[in-house]
């Protein structure tokens, strides 16, 4: 071989290896490890009188877990990420009666679990970002709903752009859903009523107990039929001081089209008051093959509040439509972790059931002026259920919930949080023979790193 050609090839290889080494160095050197350790304990004492005989019992669970994540640095705007999620129960004892174990901290069959929950490629160029693969999403009607040990996760392709001032545009296609542990509370396959409760609270219409940690086709998860997934378009705008607007369109192929619109506006007055108002609207209609039947619903809600000193108070109202000819009589379906309603309680999400009129009062106080990182809040919510609600067949009643939340972040340990939550759900379920009521307490430790 010509010596000049050999030298040229050798030089090219050296340059290529140098570039590759530099690129790999950029990916590795800019990498970072993050995660969360979580300890969660829960106890719920039931008073169940709707059965023939009084059926009181208490269910409990304790678990440790969280996630560990690694993200590479960026090479020409490209980076990679992977995260493992885990939950491990402890102190459960030998309990053959599964009613005694709260299912919301554990995986399928009340077992431990470990899985790769995130594995994605991210590309950023200026104000444009593209993310593809397993990832966490937090949108109004498809979200992580991280209320217990493990969050909901998704397989999706998400493109966002913010070139237009004060505006973000989003286009996405979501193919799969991995249910977190919270959805297991609904046990959709136990009864028709439980299926309605689950599907209007953020989870599957047919099986919310046995799909945790498994990435399942969006339609298969929701209604046990494979579909082409959910296509999403959205826009947010914040160009006017104090105002934020957002509009989302979720097209769930062969199931439904869902429009979500929300506006928030707040002021800071010279007298120290900061009043705010908000409104939200959800509209659903069946599309394509209408695999979920005649989906047809409207939900509207409003909120008015004020912040003064370290207090925050608000009141909210909502109404869901009803239609005897519609799927579950006109309730709002939300099978992929979406639960944005102003009137939802700590556990009660009855506001999306057909014909429900709901209201909620809430107040909170930040104790920072006392030199302590403590936040406390309390609420009361009421749900006037229509006979077409679908949860309790042809029966109307009023469900109620009140509760409190205490969050303490010690100054001595950065990113450590202790949380105590309590709720009383009065007449969560009712029929002609009785009701289901409970008292629930949760203790949570979160450590982020």
Protein backbone atom coordinates (compact mmCIF):
# COMPACT_ATOMS: atom_id res chain seq x y z
CA UNK A 1 0.00 0.00 0.00
CA UNK A 2 1.21 3.50 -0.78
CA UNK A 3 3.02 4.95 2.25
CA UNK A 4 1.18 8.27 1.90
CA UNK A 5 -2.15 6.42 1.87
CA UNK A 6 -1.11 4.44 4.96
CA UNK A 7 -0.19 7.60 6.78
CA UNK A 8 -3.50 9.20 5.73
CA UNK A 9 -5.50 6.21 6.99
CA UNK A 10 -3.51 6.20 10.24
CA UNK A 11 -4.15 9.91 10.74
CA UNK A 12 -7.87 9.43 10.05
CA UNK A 13 -8.05 6.62 12.61
CA UNK A 14 -6.28 8.73 15.22
CA UNK A 15 -8.65 11.64 14.60
CA UNK A 16 -11.71 9.34 14.69
CA UNK A 17 -10.56 7.70 17.92
CA UNK A 18 -9.84 11.10 19.46
CA UNK A 19 -13.30 12.41 18.50
CA UNK A 20 -14.94 9.23 19.81
CA UNK A 21 -12.99 9.46 23.06
CA UNK A 22 -13.98 13.10 23.45
CA UNK A 23 -17.62 12.24 22.79
CA UNK A 24 -17.60 9.37 25.27
CA UNK A 25 -15.84 11.62 27.76
CA UNK A 26 -18.60 14.22 27.38
CA UNK A 27 -21.25 11.56 28.04
CA UNK A 28 -19.45 10.13 31.07
CA UNK A 29 -17.99 13.27 32.62
CA UNK A 30 -21.32 15.07 32.54
CA UNK A 31 -23.22 12.11 33.95
CA UNK A 32 -25.06 12.30 37.24
CA UNK A 33 -26.68 9.92 39.70
CA UNK A 34 -29.93 10.85 41.44
CA UNK A 35 -32.74 9.10 43.21
CA UNK A 36 -35.08 8.87 46.13
CA UNK A 37 -35.28 6.64 49.17
CA UNK A 38 -38.81 6.27 50.53
CA UNK A 39 -40.20 4.61 53.65
CA UNK A 40 -43.97 4.38 53.77
CA UNK A 41 -46.30 3.08 56.48
CA UNK A 42 -50.06 3.06 56.18
CA UNK A 43 -53.02 1.84 58.24
CA UNK A 44 -56.69 2.03 57.29
CA UNK A 45 -59.44 0.98 59.73
CA UNK A 46 -62.73 0.17 57.99
CA UNK A 47 -66.26 0.40 59.29
CA UNK A 48 -68.31 -1.50 56.72
CA UNK A 49 -72.06 -1.76 57.31
CA UNK A 50 -73.30 -2.30 53.75
CA UNK A 51 -72.90 -6.07 54.09
CA UNK A 52 -75.52 -8.23 55.84
CA UNK A 53 -73.38 -8.28 58.97
CA UNK A 54 -70.99 -5.66 60.24
CA UNK A 55 -67.65 -6.25 58.50
CA UNK A 56 -65.06 -4.12 60.29
CA UNK A 57 -61.37 -4.75 59.65
CA UNK A 58 -58.03 -2.95 59.46
CA UNK A 59 -55.42 -3.28 56.77
CA UNK A 60 -51.81 -2.16 57.09
CA UNK A 61 -48.52 -2.19 55.21
CA UNK A 62 -44.93 -1.00 55.52
CA UNK A 63 -42.46 -0.74 52.67
CA UNK A 64 -39.12 0.72 51.71
CA UNK A 65 -37.95 1.53 48.22
CA UNK A 66 -37.78 4.32 45.69
CA UNK A 67 -35.62 4.73 42.61
CA UNK A 68 -32.00 5.07 41.49
CA UNK A 69 -31.32 6.98 38.27
CA UNK A 70 -28.30 7.63 36.07
CA UNK A 71 -28.24 10.28 33.33
CA UNK A 72 -25.30 10.75 31.00
CA UNK A 73 -23.91 14.09 30.00
CA UNK A 74 -24.85 15.50 26.62
CA UNK A 75 -23.02 14.85 23.34
CA UNK A 76 -24.22 17.18 20.58
CA UNK A 77 -27.44 17.54 22.54
CA UNK A 78 -27.96 13.79 22.99
CA UNK A 79 -28.10 12.18 26.44
CA UNK A 80 -29.34 8.90 27.87
CA UNK A 81 -31.08 8.00 31.10
CA UNK A 82 -32.00 4.85 33.01
CA UNK A 83 -33.71 4.36 36.36
CA UNK A 84 -34.56 1.33 38.48
CA UNK A 85 -37.61 1.37 40.76
CA UNK A 86 -38.19 -0.89 43.75
CA UNK A 87 -40.54 -1.59 46.63
CA UNK A 88 -39.82 -4.02 49.46
CA UNK A 89 -42.39 -4.80 52.12
CA UNK A 90 -41.42 -5.43 55.74
CA UNK A 91 -43.17 -6.28 58.99
CA UNK A 92 -46.19 -7.69 57.18
CA UNK A 93 -46.22 -10.99 59.04
CA UNK A 94 -48.10 -14.11 57.98
CA UNK A 95 -51.45 -12.79 56.78
CA UNK A 96 -53.34 -15.29 54.63
CA UNK A 97 -56.31 -12.89 54.56
CA UNK A 98 -55.13 -10.34 51.98
CA UNK A 99 -57.65 -7.84 53.31
CA UNK A 100 -55.22 -7.27 56.18
CA UNK A 101 -52.42 -6.05 53.89
CA UNK A 102 -52.86 -2.65 52.27
CA UNK A 103 -52.09 -3.29 48.57
CA UNK A 104 -50.99 0.24 47.67
CA UNK A 105 -47.37 -0.13 48.80
CA UNK A 106 -46.67 -3.44 47.08
CA UNK A 107 -46.67 -4.98 43.63
CA UNK A 108 -48.84 -7.72 42.12
CA UNK A 109 -50.03 -10.31 44.66
CA UNK A 110 -48.71 -8.03 47.44
CA UNK A 111 -45.10 -8.88 46.60
CA UNK A 112 -41.83 -6.96 46.35
CA UNK A 113 -40.75 -5.64 42.97
CA UNK A 114 -37.72 -4.30 41.10
CA UNK A 115 -37.80 -3.13 37.48
CA UNK A 116 -36.33 -0.68 34.98
CA UNK A 117 -38.90 2.10 34.98
CA UNK A 118 -37.03 4.65 32.87
CA UNK A 119 -34.80 4.08 29.84
CA UNK A 120 -34.77 6.96 27.41
CA UNK A 121 -32.89 8.99 24.85
CA UNK A 122 -33.11 12.76 25.13
CA UNK A 123 -32.14 15.30 22.47
CA UNK A 124 -32.01 19.04 23.14
CA UNK A 125 -31.31 21.71 20.56
CA UNK A 126 -31.96 25.29 21.60
CA UNK A 127 -35.59 25.57 22.70
CA UNK A 128 -36.54 22.19 21.27
CA UNK A 129 -36.45 18.96 23.27
CA UNK A 130 -37.25 15.40 22.21
CA UNK A 131 -37.45 12.50 24.63
CA UNK A 132 -38.15 8.90 23.62
CA UNK A 133 -38.51 5.73 25.67
CA UNK A 134 -39.60 4.81 29.18
CA UNK A 135 -40.13 7.97 31.20
CA UNK A 136 -42.16 9.76 33.84
CA UNK A 137 -44.94 12.02 32.57
CA UNK A 138 -46.88 14.57 34.57
CA UNK A 139 -49.67 15.98 32.44
CA UNK A 140 -53.24 16.77 33.55
CA UNK A 141 -54.86 13.54 32.29
CA UNK A 142 -51.87 11.19 32.09
CA UNK A 143 -49.50 11.36 35.02
CA UNK A 144 -47.27 9.68 37.58
CA UNK A 145 -49.81 10.03 40.45
CA UNK A 146 -47.02 9.38 42.94
CA UNK A 147 -49.28 8.91 45.96
CA UNK A 148 -47.81 5.71 47.41
CA UNK A 149 -44.55 3.77 46.88
CA UNK A 150 -44.07 3.67 43.10
CA UNK A 151 -45.34 6.10 40.44
CA UNK A 152 -47.00 5.45 37.11
CA UNK A 153 -44.56 5.45 34.19
CA UNK A 154 -44.94 5.54 30.41
CA UNK A 155 -43.36 4.59 27.12
CA UNK A 156 -43.67 7.69 24.98
CA UNK A 157 -42.23 10.06 22.39
CA UNK A 158 -42.44 13.67 23.57
CA UNK A 159 -41.47 16.75 21.52
CA UNK A 160 -41.60 20.22 23.07
CA UNK A 161 -40.65 23.68 21.81
CA UNK A 162 -40.58 27.12 23.43
CA UNK A 163 -39.40 29.34 20.55
CA UNK A 164 -42.55 31.44 20.83
CA UNK A 165 -42.18 33.82 23.76
CA UNK A 166 -44.01 32.69 26.93
CA UNK A 167 -45.44 29.71 25.05
CA UNK A 168 -44.63 26.01 25.12
CA UNK A 169 -45.92 23.66 22.43
CA UNK A 170 -46.00 19.90 23.00
CA UNK A 171 -46.62 16.97 20.67
CA UNK A 172 -46.44 13.43 22.01
CA UNK A 173 -47.44 9.87 21.35
CA UNK A 174 -47.80 7.51 24.30
CA UNK A 175 -47.73 3.79 23.60
CA UNK A 176 -47.56 2.03 26.98
CA UNK A 177 -48.49 2.51 30.63
CA UNK A 178 -46.81 1.03 33.69
CA UNK A 179 -49.12 1.32 36.68
CA UNK A 180 -47.62 2.34 40.00
CA UNK A 181 -48.68 0.86 43.31
CA UNK A 182 -51.44 3.35 44.17
CA UNK A 183 -53.83 2.05 41.49
CA UNK A 184 -54.00 -1.32 43.27
CA UNK A 185 -56.35 0.23 45.86
CA UNK A 186 -59.30 0.08 43.43
CA UNK A 187 -59.33 -3.65 42.56
CA UNK A 188 -61.24 -3.03 39.32
CA UNK A 189 -61.94 -6.70 38.63
CA UNK A 190 -63.73 -7.21 41.96
CA UNK A 191 -67.08 -5.78 40.78
CA UNK A 192 -68.73 -3.51 38.23
CA UNK A 193 -68.82 -0.75 40.84
CA UNK A 194 -65.10 -1.10 41.56
CA UNK A 195 -64.41 -0.91 37.81
CA UNK A 196 -66.23 2.43 37.62
CA UNK A 197 -64.42 3.72 40.71
CA UNK A 198 -61.08 2.75 39.19
CA UNK A 199 -61.70 4.12 35.69
CA UNK A 200 -62.88 7.50 37.00
CA UNK A 201 -60.03 7.74 39.52
CA UNK A 202 -57.09 7.32 37.15
CA UNK A 203 -56.84 3.56 36.54
CA UNK A 204 -57.91 0.49 34.61
CA UNK A 205 -61.55 -0.39 33.97
CA UNK A 206 -60.83 -4.12 34.12
CA UNK A 207 -57.71 -4.89 36.22
CA UNK A 208 -55.95 -2.43 38.52
CA UNK A 209 -54.46 -5.05 40.88
CA UNK A 210 -52.17 -7.05 38.59
CA UNK A 211 -50.52 -4.59 36.19
CA UNK A 212 -47.97 -2.87 38.42
CA UNK A 213 -44.48 -2.48 36.96
CA UNK A 214 -45.45 -3.89 33.57
CA UNK A 215 -45.41 -1.66 30.48
CA UNK A 216 -48.72 -2.45 28.82
CA UNK A 217 -50.35 -1.15 25.64
CA UNK A 218 -52.44 1.93 26.56
CA UNK A 219 -55.71 0.43 25.37
CA UNK A 220 -54.97 -3.00 26.80
CA UNK A 221 -54.29 -1.47 30.21
CA UNK A 222 -57.40 0.69 30.21
CA UNK A 223 -60.11 -1.54 28.70
CA UNK A 224 -58.38 -4.85 27.82
CA UNK A 225 -58.14 -4.07 24.08
CA UNK A 226 -54.95 -3.23 22.20
CA UNK A 227 -54.96 0.16 20.45
CA UNK A 228 -52.53 2.48 18.69
CA UNK A 229 -51.96 4.42 21.91
CA UNK A 230 -52.69 8.04 22.82
CA UNK A 231 -51.61 11.02 20.70
CA UNK A 232 -51.28 14.34 22.50
CA UNK A 233 -51.11 17.99 21.45
CA UNK A 234 -50.79 20.79 23.99
CA UNK A 235 -49.99 24.46 24.43
CA UNK A 236 -49.26 26.52 27.54
CA UNK A 237 -49.08 30.33 27.74
CA UNK A 238 -47.83 32.61 30.53
CA UNK A 239 -47.24 35.94 28.76
CA UNK A 240 -49.56 37.99 30.97
CA UNK A 241 -48.44 38.66 34.53
CA UNK A 242 -50.21 36.33 36.95
CA UNK A 243 -51.96 34.37 34.19
CA UNK A 244 -51.30 30.81 33.04
CA UNK A 245 -53.35 29.08 30.36
CA UNK A 246 -53.08 25.50 29.13
CA UNK A 247 -54.92 23.45 26.54
CA UNK A 248 -54.47 19.70 25.99
CA UNK A 249 -55.96 17.30 23.45
CA UNK A 250 -55.57 13.57 24.16
CA UNK A 251 -56.65 11.34 21.27
CA UNK A 252 -56.89 7.79 22.61
CA UNK A 253 -57.21 5.81 19.39
CA UNK A 254 -60.49 3.88 19.12
CA UNK A 255 -61.46 4.90 22.67
CA UNK A 256 -62.01 8.62 23.21
CA UNK A 257 -60.90 12.16 22.49
CA UNK A 258 -60.33 14.25 25.61
CA UNK A 259 -59.99 18.03 25.76
CA UNK A 260 -58.53 19.56 28.94
CA UNK A 261 -58.48 23.32 29.40
CA UNK A 262 -57.36 25.28 32.45
CA UNK A 263 -56.74 28.89 33.39
CA UNK A 264 -55.13 30.30 36.55
CA UNK A 265 -54.87 33.97 37.50
CA UNK A 266 -53.39 35.52 40.63
CA UNK A 267 -52.61 39.00 41.97
CA UNK A 268 -50.26 40.38 44.60
CA UNK A 269 -51.91 43.41 46.24
CA UNK A 270 -50.22 46.16 48.24
CA UNK A 271 -52.10 45.18 51.41
CA UNK A 272 -50.37 41.80 51.51
CA UNK A 273 -53.27 39.83 50.07
CA UNK A 274 -52.68 37.58 47.05
CA UNK A 275 -56.05 36.44 45.70
CA UNK A 276 -56.29 33.88 42.91
CA UNK A 277 -58.90 32.18 40.77
CA UNK A 278 -58.79 29.12 38.53
CA UNK A 279 -61.10 27.17 36.24
CA UNK A 280 -60.85 23.85 34.45
CA UNK A 281 -62.93 22.03 31.84
CA UNK A 282 -62.79 18.45 30.54
CA UNK A 283 -64.76 17.12 27.59
CA UNK A 284 -64.75 13.52 26.34
CA UNK A 285 -66.28 11.84 23.29
CA UNK A 286 -65.91 8.36 21.85
CA UNK A 287 -63.85 8.01 18.64
CA UNK A 288 -62.94 5.43 16.02
CA UNK A 289 -64.04 1.93 16.93
CA UNK A 290 -65.45 3.23 20.25
CA UNK A 291 -64.01 0.28 22.15
CA UNK A 292 -65.25 1.82 25.43
CA UNK A 293 -68.74 2.40 24.04
CA UNK A 294 -70.58 5.72 23.93
CA UNK A 295 -68.11 7.88 25.86
CA UNK A 296 -69.71 11.28 26.39
CA UNK A 297 -68.99 13.57 29.34
CA UNK A 298 -68.34 17.12 30.49
CA UNK A 299 -66.63 18.19 33.71
CA UNK A 300 -66.29 21.77 34.92
CA UNK A 301 -64.66 23.14 38.08
CA UNK A 302 -63.68 26.46 39.61
CA UNK A 303 -61.48 27.54 42.50
CA UNK A 304 -61.15 30.81 44.43
CA UNK A 305 -58.46 31.39 47.03
CA UNK A 306 -56.30 33.89 48.84
CA UNK A 307 -52.79 33.90 50.28
CA UNK A 308 -52.12 36.23 53.19
CA UNK A 309 -48.98 36.22 55.32
CA UNK A 310 -48.18 32.47 55.50
CA UNK A 311 -51.79 31.30 55.13
CA UNK A 312 -53.36 29.87 52.00
CA UNK A 313 -57.13 29.29 51.82
CA UNK A 314 -59.30 28.18 48.91
CA UNK A 315 -62.72 26.87 48.04
CA UNK A 316 -63.62 24.82 44.96
CA UNK A 317 -66.76 23.58 43.20
CA UNK A 318 -67.18 21.02 40.41
CA UNK A 319 -69.92 19.34 38.38
CA UNK A 320 -69.81 16.28 36.13
CA UNK A 321 -72.42 15.65 33.47
CA UNK A 322 -74.69 12.61 33.31
CA UNK A 323 -76.34 10.80 30.42
CA UNK A 324 -78.24 7.54 30.80
CA UNK A 325 -77.20 6.48 27.27
CA UNK A 326 -73.48 7.09 27.78
CA UNK A 327 -70.70 4.82 29.04
CA UNK A 328 -70.99 4.50 32.84
CA UNK A 329 -73.87 6.94 32.45
CA UNK A 330 -71.73 9.92 31.42
CA UNK A 331 -68.84 9.90 33.90
CA UNK A 332 -65.38 11.21 32.97
CA UNK A 333 -62.97 8.36 32.17
CA UNK A 334 -59.37 8.79 33.35
CA UNK A 335 -57.54 5.45 33.04
CA UNK A 336 -53.91 6.66 32.81
CA UNK A 337 -53.15 8.35 36.13
CA UNK A 338 -54.78 11.71 35.44
CA UNK A 339 -56.43 13.28 38.47
CA UNK A 340 -56.15 17.09 38.29
CA UNK A 341 -59.56 18.07 39.74
CA UNK A 342 -59.67 20.88 42.30
CA UNK A 343 -62.29 19.03 44.33
CA UNK A 344 -60.58 15.67 44.82
CA UNK A 345 -59.76 14.67 48.37
CA UNK A 346 -56.78 12.81 49.74
CA UNK A 347 -58.46 9.54 48.74
CA UNK A 348 -61.88 10.50 47.33
CA UNK A 349 -62.01 11.07 43.58
CA UNK A 350 -65.77 10.79 43.16
CA UNK A 351 -65.92 14.13 41.33
CA UNK A 352 -65.55 12.40 37.92
CA UNK A 353 -68.51 10.06 38.44
CA UNK A 354 -71.67 10.81 36.46
CA UNK A 355 -73.83 13.62 37.85
CA UNK A 356 -71.60 14.35 40.86
CA UNK A 357 -71.68 17.82 42.42
CA UNK A 358 -68.65 18.36 44.64
CA UNK A 359 -67.18 21.09 46.80
CA UNK A 360 -63.99 21.42 48.83
CA UNK A 361 -62.55 23.82 51.40
CA UNK A 362 -58.84 23.82 52.19
CA UNK A 363 -56.46 25.84 54.34
CA UNK A 364 -52.72 25.70 54.92
CA UNK A 365 -50.02 27.44 56.95
CA UNK A 366 -46.26 27.70 56.43
CA UNK A 367 -44.44 27.95 59.79
CA UNK A 368 -41.21 29.43 58.38
CA UNK A 369 -41.56 32.64 60.45
CA UNK A 370 -41.11 30.48 63.55
CA UNK A 371 -37.75 29.26 62.27
CA UNK A 372 -39.00 25.79 61.35
CA UNK A 373 -39.45 24.15 57.95
CA UNK A 374 -42.99 22.96 58.61
CA UNK A 375 -46.13 23.08 56.45
CA UNK A 376 -49.56 22.09 57.71
CA UNK A 377 -52.91 21.93 55.93
CA UNK A 378 -56.43 20.59 56.36
CA UNK A 379 -59.44 20.15 54.08
CA UNK A 380 -63.07 19.08 53.89
CA UNK A 381 -64.74 17.76 50.72
CA UNK A 382 -68.29 16.69 49.89
CA UNK A 383 -69.61 14.70 46.92
CA UNK A 384 -73.32 14.65 46.15
CA UNK A 385 -73.71 11.45 44.17
CA UNK A 386 -76.34 11.02 41.46
CA UNK A 387 -78.17 7.72 41.02
CA UNK A 388 -76.40 7.31 37.63
CA UNK A 389 -72.95 7.38 39.27
CA UNK A 390 -72.27 3.74 38.36
CA UNK A 391 -70.33 2.99 41.53
CA UNK A 392 -73.42 2.15 43.58
CA UNK A 393 -76.16 0.93 41.23
CA UNK A 394 -79.15 3.28 41.04
CA UNK A 395 -78.36 4.72 44.46
CA UNK A 396 -77.77 8.37 45.35
CA UNK A 397 -76.00 9.54 48.52
CA UNK A 398 -73.44 12.09 49.75
CA UNK A 399 -69.84 11.01 50.33
CA UNK A 400 -67.59 13.11 52.56
CA UNK A 401 -63.93 13.34 53.41
CA UNK A 402 -61.79 15.45 55.70
CA UNK A 403 -58.10 15.23 56.42
CA UNK A 404 -54.82 16.86 57.36
CA UNK A 405 -51.28 16.94 56.03
CA UNK A 406 -48.08 17.75 57.96
CA UNK A 407 -44.73 18.12 56.14
CA UNK A 408 -41.49 18.66 58.07
CA UNK A 409 -38.10 19.24 56.43
CA UNK A 410 -35.26 19.33 58.98
CA UNK A 411 -32.69 22.06 58.40
CA UNK A 412 -29.83 19.82 59.48
CA UNK A 413 -30.27 17.23 56.69
CA UNK A 414 -30.71 18.58 53.19
CA UNK A 415 -33.42 16.94 51.04
CA UNK A 416 -34.87 14.88 53.90
CA UNK A 417 -38.63 15.09 54.44
CA UNK A 418 -40.99 13.62 57.03
CA UNK A 419 -44.70 13.58 56.23
CA UNK A 420 -47.78 12.62 58.23
CA UNK A 421 -51.14 12.38 56.45
CA UNK A 422 -54.54 11.48 57.87
CA UNK A 423 -58.01 11.25 56.39
CA UNK A 424 -61.51 10.21 57.37
CA UNK A 425 -63.67 9.06 54.47
CA UNK A 426 -67.31 9.14 55.50
CA UNK A 427 -69.74 7.10 53.39
CA UNK A 428 -67.12 6.55 50.68
CA UNK A 429 -69.50 3.91 49.36
CA UNK A 430 -73.18 3.48 50.14
CA UNK A 431 -76.16 1.42 49.08
CA UNK A 432 -79.61 0.72 50.51
CA UNK A 433 -78.21 -1.54 53.25
CA UNK A 434 -75.28 0.52 54.59
CA UNK A 435 -72.03 2.36 54.00
CA UNK A 436 -68.25 2.00 53.94
CA UNK A 437 -66.27 4.45 56.10
CA UNK A 438 -62.67 4.49 57.27
CA UNK A 439 -59.90 6.29 59.13
CA UNK A 440 -56.50 6.25 57.45
CA UNK A 441 -53.04 7.33 58.64
CA UNK A 442 -49.81 7.48 56.64
CA UNK A 443 -46.24 8.14 57.72
CA UNK A 444 -43.72 8.82 54.95
CA UNK A 445 -39.99 9.50 54.84
CA UNK A 446 -38.55 10.83 51.59
CA UNK A 447 -34.85 11.40 51.01
CA UNK A 448 -33.86 12.80 47.64
CA UNK A 449 -30.30 12.75 46.36
